[in-house]
Amino acid sequence: MKERFIKIKTDAIPGALLSILLGVFLLIWPGVAISLLGEILAVGLILAGLFSLLGYAGKQGRSSYGVVFGVIALVIGIWMFARPYKLAELIPVILGLVVLVHGVRDLKMASSARENGDAGWWISFGLGVVSIVFGLICIVKAFSMAQMAFRLIGLMMLYDGISDMLIIRKTKQYSKKDPVDSDFREI
């Protein structure tokens, strides 16, 4: 039993420390993390584009789709490498557009409720306005929203690492206790 706890501890400590380090990194430098992620994805696209073009050039009778894919992947990869934060901005913009459209729809439903004599139409109207404001914030402050999301992920990673270390410590205490000596008797 003691060996099992030692193995669990040995396996868990590196992951917990990595979670803590990654969490701190994301909390302190979310912009750097966003750029780094964008650059890694850009390099992947550039390599995919190059391999696709080289694969087309090396074999006769291949489809021209390989060239099209290769050129598109290469161009997007180079663009992303030059502007790695743009990918991170895209997600809040898309989500912001969804929330904005829902807010406009909510205003239309509030207007219909008012026309039909609903006394609580103003609640729907207010909720729609808030949705529109949130959508606009996501669109206008896209990079800030991405940084906030990375900080939140960093906070989660930090919690995960610290809680793992506390659990490892608690488990270590149990593994130090000697098991109770007893004789087994069948009843």
N, C-alpha and C. Protein backbone atom coordinates (compact mmCIF):
# COMPACT_ATOMS: atom_id res chain seq x y z
N MET A 1 0.83 -1.19 0.00
CA MET A 1 0.00 0.00 0.00
C MET A 1 0.88 1.26 0.00
N LYS A 2 1.96 1.21 0.81
CA LYS A 2 2.84 2.36 0.92
C LYS A 2 3.51 2.65 -0.43
N GLU A 3 3.89 1.59 -1.14
CA GLU A 3 4.53 1.76 -2.45
C GLU A 3 3.58 2.41 -3.44
N ARG A 4 2.31 2.08 -3.32
CA ARG A 4 1.30 2.67 -4.22
C ARG A 4 1.19 4.17 -4.00
N PHE A 5 1.20 4.60 -2.74
CA PHE A 5 1.14 6.04 -2.45
C PHE A 5 2.38 6.75 -2.96
N ILE A 6 3.54 6.11 -2.81
CA ILE A 6 4.78 6.71 -3.30
C ILE A 6 4.74 6.86 -4.81
N LYS A 7 4.24 5.86 -5.53
CA LYS A 7 4.12 5.93 -6.98
C LYS A 7 3.15 7.03 -7.40
N ILE A 8 2.01 7.11 -6.72
CA ILE A 8 1.03 8.16 -7.03
C ILE A 8 1.65 9.53 -6.82
N LYS A 9 2.34 9.70 -5.70
CA LYS A 9 2.98 10.98 -5.40
C LYS A 9 4.03 11.32 -6.45
N THR A 10 4.84 10.35 -6.81
CA THR A 10 5.89 10.56 -7.80
C THR A 10 5.30 10.95 -9.16
N ASP A 11 4.20 10.33 -9.52
CA ASP A 11 3.54 10.65 -10.79
C ASP A 11 2.82 12.00 -10.75
N ALA A 12 2.28 12.39 -9.61
CA ALA A 12 1.43 13.57 -9.53
C ALA A 12 2.19 14.87 -9.32
N ILE A 13 3.32 14.83 -8.66
CA ILE A 13 4.04 16.07 -8.34
C ILE A 13 4.46 16.85 -9.59
N PRO A 14 5.08 16.23 -10.61
CA PRO A 14 5.46 17.01 -11.80
C PRO A 14 4.25 17.69 -12.48
N GLY A 15 3.13 16.97 -12.56
CA GLY A 15 1.94 17.56 -13.17
C GLY A 15 1.40 18.72 -12.36
N ALA A 16 1.42 18.58 -11.04
CA ALA A 16 0.95 19.66 -10.17
C ALA A 16 1.84 20.89 -10.30
N LEU A 17 3.16 20.67 -10.30
CA LEU A 17 4.08 21.81 -10.45
C LEU A 17 3.94 22.48 -11.81
N LEU A 18 3.75 21.68 -12.85
CA LEU A 18 3.53 22.24 -14.19
C LEU A 18 2.25 23.06 -14.23
N SER A 19 1.19 22.58 -13.59
CA SER A 19 -0.07 23.33 -13.53
C SER A 19 0.13 24.66 -12.82
N ILE A 20 0.88 24.64 -11.73
CA ILE A 20 1.14 25.88 -10.99
C ILE A 20 1.93 26.86 -11.86
N LEU A 21 2.99 26.38 -12.50
CA LEU A 21 3.82 27.26 -13.34
C LEU A 21 3.01 27.82 -14.52
N LEU A 22 2.24 26.96 -15.18
CA LEU A 22 1.42 27.41 -16.30
C LEU A 22 0.37 28.41 -15.83
N GLY A 23 -0.24 28.14 -14.68
CA GLY A 23 -1.24 29.05 -14.14
C GLY A 23 -0.66 30.43 -13.85
N VAL A 24 0.52 30.45 -13.23
CA VAL A 24 1.18 31.74 -12.93
C VAL A 24 1.52 32.46 -14.23
N PHE A 25 2.06 31.72 -15.21
CA PHE A 25 2.41 32.31 -16.50
C PHE A 25 1.18 32.94 -17.16
N LEU A 26 0.06 32.22 -17.18
CA LEU A 26 -1.16 32.74 -17.82
C LEU A 26 -1.74 33.92 -17.06
N LEU A 27 -1.62 33.91 -15.74
CA LEU A 27 -2.12 35.03 -14.94
C LEU A 27 -1.30 36.30 -15.16
N ILE A 28 0.02 36.14 -15.21
CA ILE A 28 0.91 37.30 -15.30
C ILE A 28 1.08 37.79 -16.75
N TRP A 29 1.21 36.86 -17.69
CA TRP A 29 1.50 37.23 -19.08
C TRP A 29 0.49 36.63 -20.06
N PRO A 30 -0.79 36.98 -19.95
CA PRO A 30 -1.76 36.39 -20.88
C PRO A 30 -1.52 36.80 -22.33
N GLY A 31 -1.05 38.02 -22.55
CA GLY A 31 -0.77 38.48 -23.91
C GLY A 31 0.34 37.68 -24.56
N VAL A 32 1.38 37.38 -23.79
CA VAL A 32 2.49 36.57 -24.31
C VAL A 32 1.99 35.17 -24.64
N ALA A 33 1.14 34.62 -23.76
CA ALA A 33 0.59 33.27 -24.00
C ALA A 33 -0.25 33.24 -25.26
N ILE A 34 -1.04 34.29 -25.47
CA ILE A 34 -1.88 34.36 -26.66
C ILE A 34 -1.00 34.42 -27.91
N SER A 35 0.01 35.27 -27.89
CA SER A 35 0.92 35.38 -29.04
C SER A 35 1.66 34.08 -29.29
N LEU A 36 2.11 33.44 -28.23
CA LEU A 36 2.83 32.18 -28.36
C LEU A 36 1.94 31.11 -28.97
N LEU A 37 0.71 31.01 -28.51
CA LEU A 37 -0.24 30.04 -29.06
C LEU A 37 -0.49 30.33 -30.54
N GLY A 38 -0.69 31.61 -30.88
CA GLY A 38 -0.90 31.99 -32.27
C GLY A 38 0.30 31.65 -33.14
N GLU A 39 1.52 31.87 -32.61
CA GLU A 39 2.72 31.56 -33.37
C GLU A 39 2.88 30.06 -33.59
N ILE A 40 2.55 29.27 -32.57
CA ILE A 40 2.64 27.81 -32.70
C ILE A 40 1.67 27.32 -33.77
N LEU A 41 0.44 27.83 -33.74
CA LEU A 41 -0.54 27.45 -34.76
C LEU A 41 -0.10 27.93 -36.15
N ALA A 42 0.49 29.12 -36.21
CA ALA A 42 0.97 29.64 -37.49
C ALA A 42 2.07 28.77 -38.06
N VAL A 43 3.01 28.35 -37.23
CA VAL A 43 4.09 27.48 -37.70
C VAL A 43 3.50 26.16 -38.21
N GLY A 44 2.50 25.64 -37.50
CA GLY A 44 1.84 24.41 -37.94
C GLY A 44 1.21 24.57 -39.32
N LEU A 45 0.55 25.70 -39.55
CA LEU A 45 -0.06 25.96 -40.86
C LEU A 45 1.01 26.13 -41.94
N ILE A 46 2.08 26.83 -41.61
CA ILE A 46 3.16 27.03 -42.58
C ILE A 46 3.76 25.68 -42.97
N LEU A 47 4.03 24.84 -41.97
CA LEU A 47 4.58 23.52 -42.26
C LEU A 47 3.61 22.66 -43.08
N ALA A 48 2.33 22.71 -42.73
CA ALA A 48 1.33 21.95 -43.49
C ALA A 48 1.28 22.42 -44.94
N GLY A 49 1.33 23.74 -45.12
CA GLY A 49 1.32 24.29 -46.47
C GLY A 49 2.55 23.87 -47.26
N LEU A 50 3.72 23.94 -46.62
CA LEU A 50 4.96 23.55 -47.30
C LEU A 50 4.96 22.07 -47.65
N PHE A 51 4.54 21.23 -46.70
CA PHE A 51 4.50 19.78 -46.98
C PHE A 51 3.52 19.47 -48.11
N SER A 52 2.41 20.17 -48.13
CA SER A 52 1.43 19.95 -49.19
C SER A 52 2.00 20.36 -50.55
N LEU A 53 2.68 21.50 -50.60
CA LEU A 53 3.28 21.95 -51.86
C LEU A 53 4.43 21.04 -52.29
N LEU A 54 5.25 20.63 -51.34
CA LEU A 54 6.37 19.73 -51.67
C LEU A 54 5.86 18.36 -52.10
N GLY A 55 4.77 17.90 -51.45
CA GLY A 55 4.18 16.62 -51.83
C GLY A 55 3.62 16.67 -53.24
N TYR A 56 3.05 17.81 -53.62
CA TYR A 56 2.50 17.96 -54.97
C TYR A 56 3.64 17.99 -55.99
N ALA A 57 4.70 18.71 -55.64
CA ALA A 57 5.82 18.85 -56.58
C ALA A 57 6.55 17.52 -56.77
N GLY A 58 6.54 16.66 -55.76
CA GLY A 58 7.29 15.42 -55.83
C GLY A 58 6.55 14.29 -56.52
N LYS A 59 5.28 14.42 -56.77
CA LYS A 59 4.52 13.30 -57.37
C LYS A 59 3.73 13.79 -58.58
N GLN A 60 3.80 13.03 -59.62
CA GLN A 60 3.07 13.36 -60.84
C GLN A 60 1.62 12.89 -60.71
N GLY A 61 0.73 13.57 -61.35
CA GLY A 61 -0.66 13.15 -61.43
C GLY A 61 -1.47 13.43 -60.17
N ARG A 62 -0.94 14.20 -59.24
CA ARG A 62 -1.71 14.52 -58.04
C ARG A 62 -2.70 15.63 -58.33
N SER A 63 -3.70 15.70 -57.52
CA SER A 63 -4.75 16.71 -57.68
C SER A 63 -4.20 18.10 -57.38
N SER A 64 -4.77 19.09 -58.04
CA SER A 64 -4.35 20.47 -57.80
C SER A 64 -4.88 21.00 -56.47
N TYR A 65 -5.75 20.22 -55.80
CA TYR A 65 -6.23 20.63 -54.48
C TYR A 65 -5.08 20.74 -53.48
N GLY A 66 -4.06 19.92 -53.66
CA GLY A 66 -2.89 19.99 -52.79
C GLY A 66 -2.18 21.32 -52.91
N VAL A 67 -2.11 21.84 -54.13
CA VAL A 67 -1.49 23.15 -54.35
C VAL A 67 -2.34 24.25 -53.73
N VAL A 68 -3.66 24.17 -53.97
CA VAL A 68 -4.57 25.19 -53.42
C VAL A 68 -4.49 25.19 -51.89
N PHE A 69 -4.58 23.99 -51.28
CA PHE A 69 -4.49 23.91 -49.83
C PHE A 69 -3.14 24.42 -49.35
N GLY A 70 -2.08 24.02 -50.03
CA GLY A 70 -0.74 24.43 -49.62
C GLY A 70 -0.57 25.94 -49.64
N VAL A 71 -1.03 26.57 -50.70
CA VAL A 71 -0.90 28.02 -50.82
C VAL A 71 -1.74 28.72 -49.75
N ILE A 72 -3.00 28.27 -49.57
CA ILE A 72 -3.88 28.89 -48.58
C ILE A 72 -3.30 28.72 -47.17
N ALA A 73 -2.87 27.51 -46.83
CA ALA A 73 -2.29 27.26 -45.51
C ALA A 73 -1.03 28.10 -45.30
N LEU A 74 -0.21 28.20 -46.31
CA LEU A 74 1.02 28.97 -46.22
C LEU A 74 0.72 30.46 -46.01
N VAL A 75 -0.20 31.01 -46.79
CA VAL A 75 -0.55 32.44 -46.67
C VAL A 75 -1.17 32.73 -45.30
N ILE A 76 -2.12 31.90 -44.87
CA ILE A 76 -2.76 32.12 -43.57
C ILE A 76 -1.72 31.96 -42.45
N GLY A 77 -0.85 30.96 -42.57
CA GLY A 77 0.19 30.76 -41.57
C GLY A 77 1.13 31.94 -41.45
N ILE A 78 1.55 32.49 -42.58
CA ILE A 78 2.44 33.66 -42.56
C ILE A 78 1.71 34.86 -41.97
N TRP A 79 0.44 35.05 -42.36
CA TRP A 79 -0.36 36.15 -41.81
C TRP A 79 -0.51 35.99 -40.29
N MET A 80 -0.82 34.76 -39.84
CA MET A 80 -0.99 34.53 -38.40
C MET A 80 0.32 34.72 -37.65
N PHE A 81 1.43 34.34 -38.26
CA PHE A 81 2.72 34.51 -37.59
C PHE A 81 3.03 36.00 -37.42
N ALA A 82 2.64 36.80 -38.41
CA ALA A 82 2.87 38.25 -38.33
C ALA A 82 1.92 38.90 -37.32
N ARG A 83 0.73 38.33 -37.12
CA ARG A 83 -0.28 38.86 -36.20
C ARG A 83 -0.86 37.71 -35.35
N PRO A 84 -0.08 37.14 -34.45
CA PRO A 84 -0.52 35.95 -33.73
C PRO A 84 -1.72 36.19 -32.81
N TYR A 85 -1.94 37.41 -32.39
CA TYR A 85 -3.05 37.72 -31.49
C TYR A 85 -4.40 37.78 -32.21
N LYS A 86 -4.39 37.85 -33.52
CA LYS A 86 -5.64 37.97 -34.28
C LYS A 86 -6.54 36.75 -34.10
N LEU A 87 -5.95 35.57 -34.00
CA LEU A 87 -6.75 34.37 -33.79
C LEU A 87 -7.49 34.46 -32.46
N ALA A 88 -6.78 34.93 -31.43
CA ALA A 88 -7.40 35.05 -30.11
C ALA A 88 -8.50 36.11 -30.12
N GLU A 89 -8.38 37.13 -30.94
CA GLU A 89 -9.41 38.16 -31.04
C GLU A 89 -10.64 37.65 -31.78
N LEU A 90 -10.45 36.69 -32.65
CA LEU A 90 -11.55 36.20 -33.47
C LEU A 90 -12.64 35.54 -32.62
N ILE A 91 -12.26 34.78 -31.60
CA ILE A 91 -13.24 34.06 -30.78
C ILE A 91 -14.16 35.02 -30.03
N PRO A 92 -13.63 36.04 -29.31
CA PRO A 92 -14.55 36.98 -28.65
C PRO A 92 -15.42 37.76 -29.64
N VAL A 93 -14.89 38.04 -30.82
CA VAL A 93 -15.69 38.76 -31.83
C VAL A 93 -16.87 37.89 -32.27
N ILE A 94 -16.62 36.62 -32.54
CA ILE A 94 -17.71 35.72 -32.96
C ILE A 94 -18.74 35.59 -31.84
N LEU A 95 -18.26 35.36 -30.62
CA LEU A 95 -19.19 35.25 -29.49
C LEU A 95 -19.94 36.57 -29.27
N GLY A 96 -19.24 37.68 -29.43
CA GLY A 96 -19.88 38.99 -29.28
C GLY A 96 -20.98 39.20 -30.32
N LEU A 97 -20.73 38.76 -31.55
CA LEU A 97 -21.76 38.87 -32.59
C LEU A 97 -22.99 38.02 -32.25
N VAL A 98 -22.75 36.82 -31.72
CA VAL A 98 -23.88 35.95 -31.32
C VAL A 98 -24.70 36.63 -30.22
N VAL A 99 -24.02 37.16 -29.19
CA VAL A 99 -24.73 37.82 -28.09
C VAL A 99 -25.44 39.07 -28.60
N LEU A 100 -24.82 39.82 -29.49
CA LEU A 100 -25.43 41.02 -30.06
C LEU A 100 -26.70 40.68 -30.83
N VAL A 101 -26.64 39.66 -31.66
CA VAL A 101 -27.82 39.23 -32.42
C VAL A 101 -28.93 38.78 -31.47
N HIS A 102 -28.57 38.04 -30.43
CA HIS A 102 -29.57 37.61 -29.44
C HIS A 102 -30.20 38.81 -28.75
N GLY A 103 -29.38 39.82 -28.46
CA GLY A 103 -29.90 41.04 -27.82
C GLY A 103 -30.90 41.76 -28.71
N VAL A 104 -30.59 41.86 -30.00
CA VAL A 104 -31.52 42.50 -30.94
C VAL A 104 -32.81 41.69 -31.02
N ARG A 105 -32.68 40.38 -31.07
CA ARG A 105 -33.86 39.51 -31.08
C ARG A 105 -34.68 39.71 -29.80
N ASP A 106 -33.99 39.84 -28.67
CA ASP A 106 -34.69 40.08 -27.40
C ASP A 106 -35.47 41.40 -27.42
N LEU A 107 -34.88 42.43 -28.04
CA LEU A 107 -35.58 43.72 -28.16
C LEU A 107 -36.84 43.57 -29.01
N LYS A 108 -36.74 42.80 -30.08
CA LYS A 108 -37.92 42.57 -30.93
C LYS A 108 -39.00 41.83 -30.16
N MET A 109 -38.61 40.83 -29.37
CA MET A 109 -39.60 40.10 -28.57
C MET A 109 -40.20 40.99 -27.50
N ALA A 110 -39.39 41.88 -26.91
CA ALA A 110 -39.91 42.82 -25.91
C ALA A 110 -40.91 43.78 -26.55
N SER A 111 -40.62 44.21 -27.78
CA SER A 111 -41.54 45.09 -28.50
C SER A 111 -42.86 44.38 -28.78
N SER A 112 -42.79 43.12 -29.17
CA SER A 112 -44.01 42.34 -29.40
C SER A 112 -44.79 42.16 -28.10
N ALA A 113 -44.08 41.93 -27.02
CA ALA A 113 -44.75 41.77 -25.72
C ALA A 113 -45.45 43.06 -25.32
N ARG A 114 -44.82 44.19 -25.59
CA ARG A 114 -45.42 45.50 -25.26
C ARG A 114 -46.67 45.73 -26.10
N GLU A 115 -46.60 45.40 -27.40
CA GLU A 115 -47.75 45.57 -28.28
C GLU A 115 -48.92 44.68 -27.87
N ASN A 116 -48.60 43.53 -27.25
CA ASN A 116 -49.65 42.61 -26.82
C ASN A 116 -50.10 42.88 -25.39
N GLY A 117 -49.65 43.99 -24.81
CA GLY A 117 -50.13 44.40 -23.50
C GLY A 117 -49.45 43.73 -22.32
N ASP A 118 -48.29 43.11 -22.53
CA ASP A 118 -47.57 42.48 -21.42
C ASP A 118 -47.00 43.57 -20.53
N ALA A 119 -47.36 43.55 -19.24
CA ALA A 119 -46.90 44.58 -18.30
C ALA A 119 -45.41 44.45 -18.00
N GLY A 120 -44.84 43.28 -18.18
CA GLY A 120 -43.44 43.06 -17.86
C GLY A 120 -42.53 43.16 -19.06
N TRP A 121 -42.98 43.78 -20.14
CA TRP A 121 -42.20 43.88 -21.36
C TRP A 121 -40.85 44.57 -21.13
N TRP A 122 -40.83 45.49 -20.19
CA TRP A 122 -39.62 46.28 -19.94
C TRP A 122 -38.48 45.43 -19.38
N ILE A 123 -38.81 44.32 -18.72
CA ILE A 123 -37.77 43.42 -18.23
C ILE A 123 -37.05 42.78 -19.42
N SER A 124 -37.83 42.30 -20.37
CA SER A 124 -37.24 41.72 -21.59
C SER A 124 -36.43 42.76 -22.35
N PHE A 125 -36.95 43.98 -22.38
CA PHE A 125 -36.25 45.07 -23.05
C PHE A 125 -34.90 45.33 -22.39
N GLY A 126 -34.90 45.43 -21.06
CA GLY A 126 -33.66 45.67 -20.32
C GLY A 126 -32.64 44.56 -20.51
N LEU A 127 -33.13 43.32 -20.48
CA LEU A 127 -32.22 42.19 -20.70
C LEU A 127 -31.64 42.22 -22.11
N GLY A 128 -32.44 42.61 -23.09
CA GLY A 128 -31.96 42.73 -24.46
C GLY A 128 -30.89 43.80 -24.59
N VAL A 129 -31.10 44.94 -23.93
CA VAL A 129 -30.11 46.02 -23.97
C VAL A 129 -28.79 45.56 -23.35
N VAL A 130 -28.88 44.85 -22.21
CA VAL A 130 -27.67 44.34 -21.57
C VAL A 130 -26.95 43.36 -22.50
N SER A 131 -27.69 42.51 -23.18
CA SER A 131 -27.07 41.57 -24.12
C SER A 131 -26.36 42.32 -25.24
N ILE A 132 -26.98 43.34 -25.76
CA ILE A 132 -26.35 44.14 -26.82
C ILE A 132 -25.07 44.79 -26.32
N VAL A 133 -25.11 45.35 -25.12
CA VAL A 133 -23.91 45.98 -24.55
C VAL A 133 -22.79 44.95 -24.37
N PHE A 134 -23.13 43.77 -23.81
CA PHE A 134 -22.12 42.72 -23.65
C PHE A 134 -21.55 42.29 -25.00
N GLY A 135 -22.41 42.15 -25.99
CA GLY A 135 -21.94 41.77 -27.33
C GLY A 135 -20.99 42.80 -27.90
N LEU A 136 -21.33 44.07 -27.75
CA LEU A 136 -20.46 45.14 -28.24
C LEU A 136 -19.12 45.16 -27.51
N ILE A 137 -19.15 44.93 -26.20
CA ILE A 137 -17.90 44.89 -25.44
C ILE A 137 -17.00 43.76 -25.96
N CYS A 138 -17.59 42.59 -26.22
CA CYS A 138 -16.81 41.47 -26.75
C CYS A 138 -16.19 41.81 -28.09
N ILE A 139 -16.93 42.53 -28.92
CA ILE A 139 -16.44 42.87 -30.25
C ILE A 139 -15.37 43.96 -30.19
N VAL A 140 -15.66 45.03 -29.44
CA VAL A 140 -14.75 46.17 -29.39
C VAL A 140 -13.50 45.87 -28.57
N LYS A 141 -13.62 45.13 -27.51
CA LYS A 141 -12.50 44.81 -26.63
C LYS A 141 -12.11 43.34 -26.75
N ALA A 142 -12.01 42.84 -27.96
CA ALA A 142 -11.78 41.42 -28.20
C ALA A 142 -10.48 40.93 -27.56
N PHE A 143 -9.39 41.67 -27.72
CA PHE A 143 -8.12 41.21 -27.16
C PHE A 143 -8.16 41.22 -25.64
N SER A 144 -8.79 42.22 -25.05
CA SER A 144 -8.94 42.26 -23.59
C SER A 144 -9.77 41.08 -23.10
N MET A 145 -10.80 40.72 -23.86
CA MET A 145 -11.62 39.57 -23.48
C MET A 145 -10.79 38.28 -23.57
N ALA A 146 -9.96 38.17 -24.59
CA ALA A 146 -9.11 36.98 -24.73
C ALA A 146 -8.11 36.91 -23.58
N GLN A 147 -7.54 38.05 -23.21
CA GLN A 147 -6.61 38.08 -22.08
C GLN A 147 -7.32 37.68 -20.79
N MET A 148 -8.54 38.17 -20.61
CA MET A 148 -9.30 37.81 -19.42
C MET A 148 -9.57 36.31 -19.38
N ALA A 149 -9.90 35.74 -20.53
CA ALA A 149 -10.14 34.29 -20.61
C ALA A 149 -8.87 33.52 -20.27
N PHE A 150 -7.72 33.97 -20.78
CA PHE A 150 -6.46 33.29 -20.47
C PHE A 150 -6.12 33.42 -18.99
N ARG A 151 -6.42 34.58 -18.40
CA ARG A 151 -6.18 34.74 -16.96
C ARG A 151 -7.08 33.80 -16.16
N LEU A 152 -8.31 33.66 -16.58
CA LEU A 152 -9.22 32.74 -15.90
C LEU A 152 -8.71 31.30 -16.00
N ILE A 153 -8.24 30.92 -17.18
CA ILE A 153 -7.66 29.59 -17.35
C ILE A 153 -6.42 29.45 -16.46
N GLY A 154 -5.62 30.51 -16.38
CA GLY A 154 -4.44 30.49 -15.50
C GLY A 154 -4.83 30.30 -14.05
N LEU A 155 -5.88 30.97 -13.62
CA LEU A 155 -6.37 30.82 -12.25
C LEU A 155 -6.81 29.39 -11.99
N MET A 156 -7.50 28.79 -12.96
CA MET A 156 -7.93 27.40 -12.84
C MET A 156 -6.74 26.45 -12.75
N MET A 157 -5.71 26.70 -13.58
CA MET A 157 -4.52 25.86 -13.57
C MET A 157 -3.79 25.99 -12.23
N LEU A 158 -3.71 27.21 -11.71
CA LEU A 158 -3.06 27.45 -10.43
C LEU A 158 -3.81 26.71 -9.32
N TYR A 159 -5.12 26.81 -9.32
CA TYR A 159 -5.93 26.07 -8.34
C TYR A 159 -5.68 24.57 -8.45
N ASP A 160 -5.67 24.06 -9.67
CA ASP A 160 -5.48 22.64 -9.89
C ASP A 160 -4.14 22.18 -9.33
N GLY A 161 -3.09 22.92 -9.61
CA GLY A 161 -1.77 22.54 -9.12
C GLY A 161 -1.66 22.60 -7.61
N ILE A 162 -2.18 23.67 -7.02
CA ILE A 162 -2.11 23.82 -5.56
C ILE A 162 -2.96 22.75 -4.88
N SER A 163 -4.16 22.50 -5.40
CA SER A 163 -5.00 21.48 -4.77
C SER A 163 -4.37 20.09 -4.91
N ASP A 164 -3.73 19.82 -6.05
CA ASP A 164 -3.02 18.55 -6.20
C ASP A 164 -1.90 18.42 -5.17
N MET A 165 -1.14 19.49 -4.97
CA MET A 165 -0.05 19.44 -3.99
C MET A 165 -0.59 19.21 -2.58
N LEU A 166 -1.70 19.83 -2.23
CA LEU A 166 -2.30 19.61 -0.92
C LEU A 166 -2.78 18.17 -0.75
N ILE A 167 -3.38 17.63 -1.78
CA ILE A 167 -3.85 16.24 -1.74
C ILE A 167 -2.67 15.29 -1.64
N ILE A 168 -1.60 15.57 -2.37
CA ILE A 168 -0.39 14.74 -2.30
C ILE A 168 0.17 14.77 -0.88
N ARG A 169 0.19 15.94 -0.29
CA ARG A 169 0.69 16.06 1.08
C ARG A 169 -0.16 15.25 2.05
N LYS A 170 -1.46 15.34 1.88
CA LYS A 170 -2.37 14.58 2.74
C LYS A 170 -2.18 13.08 2.53
N THR A 171 -2.05 12.67 1.29
CA THR A 171 -1.83 11.26 0.97
C THR A 171 -0.51 10.77 1.55
N LYS A 172 0.50 11.63 1.52
CA LYS A 172 1.80 11.29 2.06
C LYS A 172 1.69 11.00 3.55
N GLN A 173 0.86 11.77 4.26
CA GLN A 173 0.67 11.53 5.69
C GLN A 173 0.09 10.14 5.93
N TYR A 174 -0.84 9.71 5.10
CA TYR A 174 -1.45 8.39 5.25
C TYR A 174 -0.44 7.29 4.96
N SER A 175 0.43 7.52 4.01
CA SER A 175 1.38 6.48 3.63
C SER A 175 2.44 6.27 4.70
N LYS A 176 2.68 7.25 5.57
CA LYS A 176 3.67 7.11 6.63
C LYS A 176 3.15 6.28 7.79
N LYS A 177 1.85 6.21 7.93
CA LYS A 177 1.28 5.44 9.03
C LYS A 177 1.49 3.95 8.76
N ASP A 178 1.87 3.24 9.81
CA ASP A 178 2.04 1.80 9.68
C ASP A 178 0.68 1.13 9.67
N PRO A 179 0.53 0.15 8.82
CA PRO A 179 -0.74 -0.56 8.83
C PRO A 179 -0.90 -1.33 10.15
N VAL A 180 -2.11 -1.54 10.54
CA VAL A 180 -2.41 -2.26 11.78
C VAL A 180 -2.11 -3.73 11.56
N ASP A 181 -1.33 -4.32 12.48
CA ASP A 181 -1.05 -5.75 12.40
C ASP A 181 -2.27 -6.51 12.89
N SER A 182 -2.67 -7.48 12.15
CA SER A 182 -3.80 -8.29 12.58
C SER A 182 -3.71 -9.65 11.92
N ASP A 183 -4.35 -10.58 12.52
CA ASP A 183 -4.41 -11.93 11.95
C ASP A 183 -5.75 -12.09 11.25
N PHE A 184 -5.70 -12.75 10.15
CA PHE A 184 -6.93 -13.01 9.39
C PHE A 184 -7.51 -14.34 9.86
N ARG A 185 -8.76 -14.27 10.23
CA ARG A 185 -9.47 -15.51 10.60
C ARG A 185 -10.76 -15.56 9.82
N GLU A 186 -11.00 -16.70 9.24
CA GLU A 186 -12.26 -16.90 8.51
C GLU A 186 -13.35 -17.25 9.51
N ILE A 187 -14.48 -16.61 9.37
CA ILE A 187 -15.60 -16.84 10.32
C ILE A 187 -16.60 -17.80 9.74
